[in-house]
Amino acid sequence: MQAKPRAQGLYQATGFYPGSEIPFVSVAMRTDQLATRAPEGTSSVFRPILPQIKPRTQVAILLPGELPVTLPDDTIYVNGMGEADEYSIVVGHTPDCSGATVCSIGSFNAKRGGKVYPDEFEKTVSLVRGITAYFSPLTCGASCSPPSIGWEYEGAFYRMHLEIDSRNPSQDEEIMVRLANSAIEMGPR
């Protein structure tokens, strides 16, 4: 992986996902230098990585305008990859966090032609523009999975997983629906 110094204490690294030929970009940010809510649209958490992913994918990148999470007072990492028919963005605690794992704060992805996996979601919910979505609250077994929401939009299936510290399943659902609606209403980045 090659690291490049960035302004304001940020650095960017590019490389490949471990064991693959899929290129990805990782941007480190100090949490005291970013806002989780941005009045002009895309949360500032995503802004540094979008120029690296957008030219690599033909799938509309839909991201919420805010991240209602409590971020630790240290550095977070935003990793992303884009291919013609998909993209993935992971906000995590480690530079090589690449999915919905213990290092992840949240993940945002889409795949053209993607579908719902069997037993992936617990219920259907309604989004803006008459879109049907699928939701699962926080679930814990051997480990915990954060609340998630998924929906189809313009031939791609979108998924968001996000650690939310509400401790209330109905509030988690309300927050995830609000985030999905925000991403849809703001349109492609």
N, C-alpha and C. Protein backbone atom coordinates (compact mmCIF):
# COMPACT_ATOMS: atom_id res chain seq x y z
N MET A 1 0.84 -1.16 0.00
CA MET A 1 0.00 0.00 0.00
C MET A 1 0.89 1.23 0.00
N GLN A 2 0.50 2.22 -0.73
CA GLN A 2 1.27 3.44 -0.85
C GLN A 2 0.53 4.56 -0.11
N ALA A 3 1.21 5.22 0.84
CA ALA A 3 0.58 6.29 1.60
C ALA A 3 1.03 7.64 1.06
N LYS A 4 0.09 8.58 1.01
CA LYS A 4 0.37 9.92 0.53
C LYS A 4 -0.05 10.91 1.61
N PRO A 5 0.82 11.85 2.00
CA PRO A 5 0.41 12.87 2.98
C PRO A 5 -0.73 13.71 2.42
N ARG A 6 -1.62 14.13 3.29
CA ARG A 6 -2.75 14.97 2.90
C ARG A 6 -2.81 16.18 3.82
N ALA A 7 -3.52 17.18 3.41
CA ALA A 7 -3.68 18.38 4.22
C ALA A 7 -4.48 18.08 5.48
N GLN A 8 -4.34 18.88 6.49
CA GLN A 8 -5.12 18.84 7.72
C GLN A 8 -5.04 17.50 8.44
N GLY A 9 -3.88 16.86 8.44
CA GLY A 9 -3.71 15.64 9.21
C GLY A 9 -4.32 14.41 8.57
N LEU A 10 -4.74 14.49 7.33
CA LEU A 10 -5.31 13.33 6.66
C LEU A 10 -4.24 12.64 5.84
N TYR A 11 -4.35 11.35 5.67
CA TYR A 11 -3.49 10.69 4.70
C TYR A 11 -4.32 9.73 3.89
N GLN A 12 -3.85 9.46 2.71
CA GLN A 12 -4.56 8.58 1.80
C GLN A 12 -3.62 7.45 1.41
N ALA A 13 -4.13 6.24 1.39
CA ALA A 13 -3.34 5.10 0.96
C ALA A 13 -4.12 4.36 -0.11
N THR A 14 -3.43 3.84 -1.08
CA THR A 14 -4.08 3.05 -2.12
C THR A 14 -3.42 1.69 -2.17
N GLY A 15 -4.16 0.70 -2.54
CA GLY A 15 -3.63 -0.66 -2.62
C GLY A 15 -4.71 -1.59 -3.15
N PHE A 16 -4.61 -2.86 -2.76
CA PHE A 16 -5.58 -3.87 -3.17
C PHE A 16 -6.16 -4.52 -1.93
N TYR A 17 -7.43 -4.93 -2.01
CA TYR A 17 -8.00 -5.68 -0.91
C TYR A 17 -7.19 -6.95 -0.75
N PRO A 18 -6.93 -7.37 0.49
CA PRO A 18 -6.10 -8.56 0.72
C PRO A 18 -6.61 -9.76 -0.06
N GLY A 19 -5.70 -10.42 -0.77
CA GLY A 19 -6.04 -11.62 -1.53
C GLY A 19 -6.83 -11.38 -2.79
N SER A 20 -6.84 -10.14 -3.30
CA SER A 20 -7.63 -9.87 -4.51
C SER A 20 -6.90 -8.88 -5.40
N GLU A 21 -7.47 -8.67 -6.54
CA GLU A 21 -6.96 -7.68 -7.49
C GLU A 21 -7.85 -6.44 -7.50
N ILE A 22 -8.72 -6.32 -6.50
CA ILE A 22 -9.64 -5.19 -6.44
C ILE A 22 -8.95 -4.02 -5.76
N PRO A 23 -8.75 -2.91 -6.49
CA PRO A 23 -8.09 -1.75 -5.89
C PRO A 23 -9.01 -1.05 -4.89
N PHE A 24 -8.42 -0.52 -3.84
CA PHE A 24 -9.20 0.27 -2.90
C PHE A 24 -8.39 1.46 -2.44
N VAL A 25 -9.08 2.39 -1.85
CA VAL A 25 -8.48 3.61 -1.33
C VAL A 25 -8.85 3.69 0.14
N SER A 26 -7.91 4.10 0.97
CA SER A 26 -8.16 4.29 2.39
C SER A 26 -7.78 5.72 2.75
N VAL A 27 -8.65 6.41 3.45
CA VAL A 27 -8.38 7.77 3.89
C VAL A 27 -8.51 7.79 5.40
N ALA A 28 -7.49 8.28 6.09
CA ALA A 28 -7.54 8.40 7.55
C ALA A 28 -7.92 9.83 7.91
N MET A 29 -8.76 9.97 8.93
CA MET A 29 -9.19 11.29 9.36
C MET A 29 -9.22 11.34 10.87
N ARG A 30 -8.80 12.45 11.42
CA ARG A 30 -8.96 12.65 12.86
C ARG A 30 -10.41 13.04 13.09
N THR A 31 -11.05 12.41 14.06
CA THR A 31 -12.47 12.66 14.26
C THR A 31 -12.75 14.07 14.73
N ASP A 32 -11.76 14.76 15.30
CA ASP A 32 -12.01 16.14 15.70
C ASP A 32 -11.93 17.11 14.52
N GLN A 33 -11.64 16.59 13.32
CA GLN A 33 -11.54 17.44 12.13
C GLN A 33 -12.68 17.20 11.14
N LEU A 34 -13.69 16.46 11.55
CA LEU A 34 -14.78 16.21 10.62
C LEU A 34 -16.11 16.34 11.33
N ALA A 35 -17.12 16.52 10.52
CA ALA A 35 -18.48 16.61 11.04
C ALA A 35 -19.25 15.41 10.55
N THR A 36 -20.09 14.83 11.38
CA THR A 36 -20.89 13.71 10.94
C THR A 36 -22.17 14.16 10.22
N ARG A 37 -22.46 15.45 10.29
CA ARG A 37 -23.61 16.01 9.58
C ARG A 37 -23.13 17.19 8.76
N ALA A 38 -23.50 17.22 7.49
CA ALA A 38 -23.05 18.31 6.62
C ALA A 38 -24.27 18.99 6.01
N PRO A 39 -24.42 20.30 6.17
CA PRO A 39 -25.60 20.98 5.65
C PRO A 39 -25.69 20.94 4.12
N GLU A 40 -24.55 20.82 3.43
CA GLU A 40 -24.59 20.86 1.97
C GLU A 40 -24.77 19.49 1.33
N GLY A 41 -25.06 18.46 2.11
CA GLY A 41 -25.30 17.15 1.49
C GLY A 41 -24.46 16.06 2.09
N THR A 42 -23.55 15.52 1.33
CA THR A 42 -22.78 14.37 1.75
C THR A 42 -22.02 14.64 3.04
N SER A 43 -22.13 13.72 3.99
CA SER A 43 -21.37 13.83 5.23
C SER A 43 -19.89 13.99 4.90
N SER A 44 -19.20 14.82 5.66
CA SER A 44 -17.79 15.06 5.40
C SER A 44 -16.95 13.80 5.56
N VAL A 45 -17.48 12.79 6.21
CA VAL A 45 -16.79 11.51 6.33
C VAL A 45 -16.53 10.92 4.95
N PHE A 46 -17.46 11.08 4.02
CA PHE A 46 -17.34 10.46 2.70
C PHE A 46 -16.59 11.31 1.67
N ARG A 47 -16.58 12.61 1.86
CA ARG A 47 -16.04 13.50 0.83
C ARG A 47 -14.64 13.15 0.32
N PRO A 48 -13.68 12.82 1.18
CA PRO A 48 -12.33 12.55 0.67
C PRO A 48 -12.22 11.31 -0.22
N ILE A 49 -13.12 10.36 -0.07
CA ILE A 49 -12.99 9.12 -0.81
C ILE A 49 -13.79 9.11 -2.12
N LEU A 50 -14.81 9.95 -2.22
CA LEU A 50 -15.66 9.95 -3.42
C LEU A 50 -14.90 10.17 -4.72
N PRO A 51 -13.95 11.11 -4.80
CA PRO A 51 -13.25 11.30 -6.07
C PRO A 51 -12.44 10.07 -6.53
N GLN A 52 -12.11 9.20 -5.59
CA GLN A 52 -11.36 8.00 -5.92
C GLN A 52 -12.27 6.87 -6.42
N ILE A 53 -13.50 6.84 -5.93
CA ILE A 53 -14.42 5.74 -6.26
C ILE A 53 -15.28 6.07 -7.47
N LYS A 54 -15.75 7.29 -7.55
CA LYS A 54 -16.71 7.68 -8.59
C LYS A 54 -16.25 7.34 -10.01
N PRO A 55 -15.00 7.58 -10.41
CA PRO A 55 -14.60 7.25 -11.78
C PRO A 55 -14.52 5.75 -12.06
N ARG A 56 -14.54 4.94 -11.01
CA ARG A 56 -14.37 3.49 -11.18
C ARG A 56 -15.67 2.72 -11.28
N THR A 57 -16.80 3.36 -10.97
CA THR A 57 -18.07 2.63 -10.97
C THR A 57 -19.10 3.32 -11.84
N GLN A 58 -20.00 2.53 -12.38
CA GLN A 58 -21.12 3.05 -13.16
C GLN A 58 -22.42 3.00 -12.37
N VAL A 59 -22.33 2.54 -11.12
CA VAL A 59 -23.49 2.48 -10.24
C VAL A 59 -23.63 3.83 -9.54
N ALA A 60 -24.84 4.33 -9.48
CA ALA A 60 -25.09 5.60 -8.79
C ALA A 60 -24.69 5.47 -7.32
N ILE A 61 -23.83 6.36 -6.85
CA ILE A 61 -23.38 6.34 -5.46
C ILE A 61 -24.38 7.14 -4.63
N LEU A 62 -25.08 6.42 -3.75
CA LEU A 62 -26.08 7.03 -2.88
C LEU A 62 -25.58 6.97 -1.45
N LEU A 63 -25.41 8.12 -0.82
CA LEU A 63 -24.91 8.20 0.55
C LEU A 63 -25.75 9.19 1.35
N PRO A 64 -25.94 8.91 2.63
CA PRO A 64 -26.72 9.83 3.46
C PRO A 64 -25.98 11.13 3.72
N GLY A 65 -26.74 12.17 4.05
CA GLY A 65 -26.16 13.47 4.34
C GLY A 65 -25.64 13.59 5.76
N GLU A 66 -25.84 12.57 6.58
CA GLU A 66 -25.37 12.60 7.96
C GLU A 66 -25.04 11.18 8.41
N LEU A 67 -24.23 11.10 9.43
CA LEU A 67 -23.96 9.83 10.10
C LEU A 67 -24.25 10.03 11.58
N PRO A 68 -25.38 9.57 12.08
CA PRO A 68 -25.74 9.79 13.48
C PRO A 68 -25.08 8.78 14.41
N VAL A 69 -23.77 8.80 14.45
CA VAL A 69 -23.02 7.88 15.30
C VAL A 69 -22.06 8.68 16.17
N THR A 70 -21.70 8.09 17.28
CA THR A 70 -20.69 8.69 18.13
C THR A 70 -19.35 8.11 17.71
N LEU A 71 -18.49 8.94 17.15
CA LEU A 71 -17.20 8.48 16.70
C LEU A 71 -16.18 8.59 17.82
N PRO A 72 -15.26 7.64 17.91
CA PRO A 72 -14.25 7.71 18.96
C PRO A 72 -13.36 8.94 18.76
N ASP A 73 -12.75 9.41 19.82
CA ASP A 73 -11.90 10.60 19.73
C ASP A 73 -10.50 10.21 19.27
N ASP A 74 -10.40 9.70 18.10
CA ASP A 74 -9.10 9.35 17.51
C ASP A 74 -9.25 9.33 16.00
N THR A 75 -8.48 8.54 15.35
CA THR A 75 -8.52 8.48 13.90
C THR A 75 -9.51 7.41 13.42
N ILE A 76 -10.29 7.75 12.40
CA ILE A 76 -11.12 6.75 11.74
C ILE A 76 -10.60 6.61 10.32
N TYR A 77 -10.98 5.53 9.68
CA TYR A 77 -10.53 5.23 8.33
C TYR A 77 -11.74 5.02 7.45
N VAL A 78 -11.70 5.60 6.27
CA VAL A 78 -12.77 5.40 5.30
C VAL A 78 -12.13 4.68 4.12
N ASN A 79 -12.55 3.45 3.90
CA ASN A 79 -12.02 2.62 2.82
C ASN A 79 -13.07 2.50 1.74
N GLY A 80 -12.64 2.46 0.51
CA GLY A 80 -13.61 2.32 -0.56
C GLY A 80 -13.04 1.67 -1.78
N MET A 81 -13.91 1.08 -2.54
CA MET A 81 -13.54 0.50 -3.82
C MET A 81 -14.69 0.68 -4.78
N GLY A 82 -14.35 0.74 -6.04
CA GLY A 82 -15.37 0.83 -7.06
C GLY A 82 -14.99 -0.02 -8.25
N GLU A 83 -15.94 -0.75 -8.75
CA GLU A 83 -15.79 -1.51 -10.00
C GLU A 83 -16.98 -1.12 -10.86
N ALA A 84 -16.99 -1.55 -12.10
CA ALA A 84 -18.03 -1.13 -13.03
C ALA A 84 -19.44 -1.32 -12.46
N ASP A 85 -19.71 -2.47 -11.86
CA ASP A 85 -21.06 -2.80 -11.42
C ASP A 85 -21.28 -2.74 -9.90
N GLU A 86 -20.32 -2.17 -9.16
CA GLU A 86 -20.51 -2.10 -7.71
C GLU A 86 -19.56 -1.11 -7.07
N TYR A 87 -19.88 -0.75 -5.84
CA TYR A 87 -18.97 0.03 -5.02
C TYR A 87 -19.19 -0.36 -3.57
N SER A 88 -18.20 -0.08 -2.75
CA SER A 88 -18.30 -0.34 -1.32
C SER A 88 -17.49 0.72 -0.58
N ILE A 89 -18.08 1.25 0.47
CA ILE A 89 -17.41 2.22 1.35
C ILE A 89 -17.59 1.73 2.78
N VAL A 90 -16.47 1.64 3.51
CA VAL A 90 -16.49 1.18 4.89
C VAL A 90 -15.85 2.25 5.77
N VAL A 91 -16.54 2.63 6.82
CA VAL A 91 -15.99 3.53 7.83
C VAL A 91 -15.60 2.63 9.00
N GLY A 92 -14.31 2.69 9.38
CA GLY A 92 -13.84 1.77 10.41
C GLY A 92 -12.80 2.34 11.35
N HIS A 93 -12.42 1.50 12.30
CA HIS A 93 -11.43 1.86 13.31
C HIS A 93 -10.01 1.52 12.87
N THR A 94 -9.85 0.72 11.81
CA THR A 94 -8.52 0.29 11.36
C THR A 94 -8.35 0.60 9.88
N PRO A 95 -7.10 0.76 9.42
CA PRO A 95 -6.89 1.14 8.02
C PRO A 95 -7.30 0.07 7.01
N ASP A 96 -7.36 -1.18 7.39
CA ASP A 96 -7.68 -2.23 6.43
C ASP A 96 -9.06 -2.84 6.66
N CYS A 97 -9.93 -2.12 7.31
CA CYS A 97 -11.28 -2.61 7.57
C CYS A 97 -12.04 -2.67 6.24
N SER A 98 -12.53 -3.86 5.89
CA SER A 98 -13.12 -4.00 4.56
C SER A 98 -14.51 -4.61 4.56
N GLY A 99 -15.23 -4.54 5.66
CA GLY A 99 -16.58 -5.07 5.64
C GLY A 99 -17.27 -4.89 6.98
N ALA A 100 -18.43 -5.52 7.10
CA ALA A 100 -19.21 -5.42 8.33
C ALA A 100 -18.60 -6.37 9.36
N THR A 101 -17.48 -5.95 9.95
CA THR A 101 -16.78 -6.75 10.95
C THR A 101 -16.58 -5.91 12.21
N VAL A 102 -15.87 -6.45 13.17
CA VAL A 102 -15.66 -5.78 14.44
C VAL A 102 -14.95 -4.43 14.27
N CYS A 103 -14.17 -4.25 13.21
CA CYS A 103 -13.46 -2.98 12.99
C CYS A 103 -14.36 -1.92 12.36
N SER A 104 -15.55 -2.29 11.93
CA SER A 104 -16.41 -1.41 11.16
C SER A 104 -17.35 -0.58 12.03
N ILE A 105 -17.52 0.68 11.63
CA ILE A 105 -18.54 1.55 12.20
C ILE A 105 -19.77 1.50 11.29
N GLY A 106 -19.53 1.37 10.00
CA GLY A 106 -20.62 1.28 9.05
C GLY A 106 -20.12 0.92 7.67
N SER A 107 -21.01 0.39 6.85
CA SER A 107 -20.66 0.10 5.46
C SER A 107 -21.82 0.52 4.56
N PHE A 108 -21.46 0.95 3.36
CA PHE A 108 -22.40 1.49 2.39
C PHE A 108 -22.01 0.91 1.04
N ASN A 109 -22.87 0.11 0.44
CA ASN A 109 -22.49 -0.49 -0.84
C ASN A 109 -23.69 -0.70 -1.74
N ALA A 110 -23.37 -0.93 -2.99
CA ALA A 110 -24.40 -1.19 -3.99
C ALA A 110 -23.81 -2.09 -5.07
N LYS A 111 -24.68 -2.90 -5.65
CA LYS A 111 -24.27 -3.80 -6.73
C LYS A 111 -25.38 -3.84 -7.76
N ARG A 112 -25.02 -3.55 -9.01
CA ARG A 112 -26.00 -3.63 -10.09
C ARG A 112 -26.45 -5.10 -10.22
N GLY A 113 -27.76 -5.30 -10.26
CA GLY A 113 -28.31 -6.65 -10.35
C GLY A 113 -28.29 -7.39 -9.02
N GLY A 114 -27.85 -6.75 -7.94
CA GLY A 114 -27.81 -7.40 -6.63
C GLY A 114 -29.22 -7.68 -6.12
N LYS A 115 -29.31 -8.64 -5.26
CA LYS A 115 -30.61 -9.05 -4.70
C LYS A 115 -30.50 -9.24 -3.19
N VAL A 116 -31.64 -9.36 -2.55
CA VAL A 116 -31.72 -9.67 -1.13
C VAL A 116 -31.31 -11.12 -0.93
N TYR A 117 -30.45 -11.36 0.07
CA TYR A 117 -30.08 -12.73 0.42
C TYR A 117 -31.18 -13.36 1.25
N PRO A 118 -31.38 -14.69 1.17
CA PRO A 118 -32.39 -15.34 2.02
C PRO A 118 -32.11 -15.04 3.50
N ASP A 119 -33.14 -14.71 4.25
CA ASP A 119 -33.06 -14.43 5.68
C ASP A 119 -32.14 -13.26 6.04
N GLU A 120 -31.84 -12.39 5.09
CA GLU A 120 -30.95 -11.25 5.37
C GLU A 120 -31.64 -10.18 6.20
N PHE A 121 -32.91 -9.92 5.93
CA PHE A 121 -33.63 -8.86 6.61
C PHE A 121 -34.85 -9.43 7.31
N GLU A 122 -35.32 -8.73 8.35
CA GLU A 122 -36.45 -9.20 9.13
C GLU A 122 -37.80 -8.68 8.67
N LYS A 123 -37.83 -7.48 8.08
CA LYS A 123 -39.13 -6.91 7.72
C LYS A 123 -38.99 -5.95 6.55
N THR A 124 -40.13 -5.61 5.95
CA THR A 124 -40.14 -4.60 4.90
C THR A 124 -40.56 -3.27 5.51
N VAL A 125 -40.02 -2.20 4.94
CA VAL A 125 -40.35 -0.83 5.35
C VAL A 125 -40.51 0.01 4.09
N SER A 126 -41.14 1.16 4.22
CA SER A 126 -41.37 2.03 3.07
C SER A 126 -40.40 3.20 3.09
N LEU A 127 -39.89 3.52 1.90
CA LEU A 127 -39.01 4.67 1.72
C LEU A 127 -39.70 5.69 0.82
N VAL A 128 -39.03 6.82 0.61
CA VAL A 128 -39.54 7.85 -0.29
C VAL A 128 -39.70 7.27 -1.69
N ARG A 129 -40.49 7.97 -2.50
CA ARG A 129 -40.73 7.60 -3.90
C ARG A 129 -41.35 6.21 -4.06
N GLY A 130 -42.03 5.73 -3.01
CA GLY A 130 -42.71 4.45 -3.06
C GLY A 130 -41.78 3.24 -3.09
N ILE A 131 -40.55 3.41 -2.69
CA ILE A 131 -39.57 2.32 -2.71
C ILE A 131 -39.77 1.43 -1.49
N THR A 132 -39.83 0.13 -1.71
CA THR A 132 -39.88 -0.84 -0.63
C THR A 132 -38.46 -1.19 -0.23
N ALA A 133 -38.21 -1.17 1.08
CA ALA A 133 -36.89 -1.50 1.59
C ALA A 133 -37.03 -2.64 2.59
N TYR A 134 -35.91 -3.15 3.01
CA TYR A 134 -35.85 -4.27 3.94
C TYR A 134 -34.97 -3.86 5.11
N PHE A 135 -35.40 -4.19 6.32
CA PHE A 135 -34.70 -3.73 7.52
C PHE A 135 -34.45 -4.88 8.48
N SER A 136 -33.31 -4.82 9.16
CA SER A 136 -33.01 -5.70 10.28
C SER A 136 -32.43 -4.86 11.41
N PRO A 137 -32.93 -5.08 12.63
CA PRO A 137 -32.38 -4.35 13.77
C PRO A 137 -31.04 -4.96 14.20
N LEU A 138 -30.45 -4.39 15.21
CA LEU A 138 -29.26 -4.96 15.82
C LEU A 138 -29.57 -6.40 16.20
N THR A 139 -28.70 -7.32 15.80
CA THR A 139 -28.88 -8.72 16.17
C THR A 139 -27.58 -9.22 16.79
N CYS A 140 -27.70 -9.99 17.86
CA CYS A 140 -26.52 -10.52 18.54
C CYS A 140 -26.68 -12.02 18.74
N GLY A 141 -25.60 -12.69 18.49
CA GLY A 141 -25.47 -14.12 18.74
C GLY A 141 -24.06 -14.31 19.26
N ALA A 142 -23.25 -15.03 18.50
CA ALA A 142 -21.83 -15.13 18.86
C ALA A 142 -21.16 -13.76 18.73
N SER A 143 -21.66 -12.94 17.84
CA SER A 143 -21.23 -11.55 17.70
C SER A 143 -22.45 -10.74 17.33
N CYS A 144 -22.31 -9.43 17.29
CA CYS A 144 -23.45 -8.57 16.97
C CYS A 144 -23.32 -7.99 15.57
N SER A 145 -24.46 -7.89 14.90
CA SER A 145 -24.53 -7.23 13.59
C SER A 145 -25.33 -5.95 13.78
N PRO A 146 -24.84 -4.83 13.23
CA PRO A 146 -25.54 -3.56 13.41
C PRO A 146 -26.84 -3.53 12.62
N PRO A 147 -27.70 -2.57 12.92
CA PRO A 147 -28.91 -2.40 12.11
C PRO A 147 -28.53 -2.24 10.63
N SER A 148 -29.38 -2.77 9.76
CA SER A 148 -29.10 -2.68 8.33
C SER A 148 -30.39 -2.43 7.57
N ILE A 149 -30.21 -1.83 6.40
CA ILE A 149 -31.34 -1.55 5.51
C ILE A 149 -30.86 -1.77 4.08
N GLY A 150 -31.74 -2.28 3.25
CA GLY A 150 -31.41 -2.50 1.85
C GLY A 150 -32.60 -2.19 0.96
N TRP A 151 -32.33 -1.74 -0.27
CA TRP A 151 -33.39 -1.41 -1.22
C TRP A 151 -32.84 -1.45 -2.63
N GLU A 152 -33.76 -1.59 -3.57
CA GLU A 152 -33.39 -1.57 -4.99
C GLU A 152 -33.68 -0.17 -5.54
N TYR A 153 -32.72 0.32 -6.36
CA TYR A 153 -32.87 1.64 -6.97
C TYR A 153 -32.15 1.62 -8.31
N GLU A 154 -32.87 1.92 -9.35
CA GLU A 154 -32.32 2.00 -10.71
C GLU A 154 -31.44 0.79 -11.06
N GLY A 155 -31.96 -0.41 -10.77
CA GLY A 155 -31.29 -1.64 -11.18
C GLY A 155 -30.15 -2.10 -10.29
N ALA A 156 -29.91 -1.41 -9.18
CA ALA A 156 -28.86 -1.83 -8.24
C ALA A 156 -29.49 -2.06 -6.88
N PHE A 157 -28.87 -2.95 -6.10
CA PHE A 157 -29.33 -3.19 -4.73
C PHE A 157 -28.36 -2.50 -3.78
N TYR A 158 -28.90 -1.66 -2.91
CA TYR A 158 -28.12 -0.86 -1.97
C TYR A 158 -28.25 -1.43 -0.57
N ARG A 159 -27.15 -1.43 0.18
CA ARG A 159 -27.15 -1.88 1.57
C ARG A 159 -26.41 -0.86 2.43
N MET A 160 -26.97 -0.60 3.61
CA MET A 160 -26.30 0.22 4.63
C MET A 160 -26.33 -0.55 5.93
N HIS A 161 -25.19 -0.63 6.57
CA HIS A 161 -25.06 -1.19 7.91
C HIS A 161 -24.41 -0.09 8.74
N LEU A 162 -24.95 0.21 9.93
CA LEU A 162 -24.39 1.30 10.70
C LEU A 162 -24.58 1.06 12.19
N GLU A 163 -23.48 1.17 12.94
CA GLU A 163 -23.56 1.11 14.40
C GLU A 163 -24.31 2.34 14.88
N ILE A 164 -25.40 2.12 15.56
CA ILE A 164 -26.20 3.20 16.13
C ILE A 164 -26.30 2.93 17.61
N ASP A 165 -26.07 3.91 18.41
CA ASP A 165 -26.05 3.71 19.85
C ASP A 165 -27.37 4.09 20.50
N SER A 166 -28.49 3.71 19.89
CA SER A 166 -29.78 4.12 20.44
C SER A 166 -30.31 3.14 21.48
N ARG A 167 -29.96 1.88 21.38
CA ARG A 167 -30.45 0.81 22.27
C ARG A 167 -31.97 0.68 22.22
N ASN A 168 -32.55 1.06 21.09
CA ASN A 168 -33.98 1.00 20.92
C ASN A 168 -34.27 0.56 19.48
N PRO A 169 -34.73 -0.69 19.28
CA PRO A 169 -34.95 -1.20 17.91
C PRO A 169 -35.87 -0.34 17.06
N SER A 170 -36.93 0.22 17.63
CA SER A 170 -37.83 1.04 16.80
C SER A 170 -37.14 2.34 16.40
N GLN A 171 -36.31 2.89 17.29
CA GLN A 171 -35.56 4.09 16.93
C GLN A 171 -34.49 3.76 15.89
N ASP A 172 -33.86 2.58 16.00
CA ASP A 172 -32.88 2.16 14.99
C ASP A 172 -33.54 2.10 13.61
N GLU A 173 -34.73 1.54 13.55
CA GLU A 173 -35.45 1.48 12.28
C GLU A 173 -35.73 2.88 11.75
N GLU A 174 -36.19 3.76 12.59
CA GLU A 174 -36.48 5.14 12.18
C GLU A 174 -35.22 5.83 11.64
N ILE A 175 -34.10 5.64 12.31
CA ILE A 175 -32.84 6.26 11.88
C ILE A 175 -32.38 5.69 10.55
N MET A 176 -32.43 4.37 10.39
CA MET A 176 -31.97 3.75 9.14
C MET A 176 -32.86 4.15 7.97
N VAL A 177 -34.17 4.24 8.19
CA VAL A 177 -35.08 4.70 7.14
C VAL A 177 -34.76 6.14 6.76
N ARG A 178 -34.52 6.99 7.77
CA ARG A 178 -34.17 8.38 7.50
C ARG A 178 -32.88 8.48 6.68
N LEU A 179 -31.87 7.66 7.00
CA LEU A 179 -30.61 7.68 6.26
C LEU A 179 -30.81 7.22 4.81
N ALA A 180 -31.58 6.15 4.62
CA ALA A 180 -31.84 5.67 3.26
C ALA A 180 -32.60 6.73 2.47
N ASN A 181 -33.62 7.34 3.08
CA ASN A 181 -34.37 8.39 2.40
C ASN A 181 -33.46 9.56 2.04
N SER A 182 -32.57 9.93 2.93
CA SER A 182 -31.63 11.02 2.68
C SER A 182 -30.76 10.69 1.46
N ALA A 183 -30.25 9.47 1.41
CA ALA A 183 -29.40 9.07 0.28
C ALA A 183 -30.16 9.12 -1.03
N ILE A 184 -31.41 8.66 -1.03
CA ILE A 184 -32.22 8.65 -2.25
C ILE A 184 -32.57 10.07 -2.68
N GLU A 185 -33.03 10.88 -1.73
CA GLU A 185 -33.46 12.24 -2.06
C GLU A 185 -32.31 13.12 -2.54
N MET A 186 -31.13 12.93 -1.99
CA MET A 186 -29.97 13.72 -2.43
C MET A 186 -29.44 13.27 -3.78
N GLY A 187 -29.76 12.05 -4.15
CA GLY A 187 -29.37 11.55 -5.45
C GLY A 187 -27.90 11.16 -5.54
N PRO A 188 -27.49 10.73 -6.73
CA PRO A 188 -26.13 10.26 -6.92
C PRO A 188 -25.10 11.33 -6.61
N ARG A 189 -24.01 10.90 -6.02
CA ARG A 189 -22.89 11.80 -5.71
C ARG A 189 -21.98 11.90 -6.90
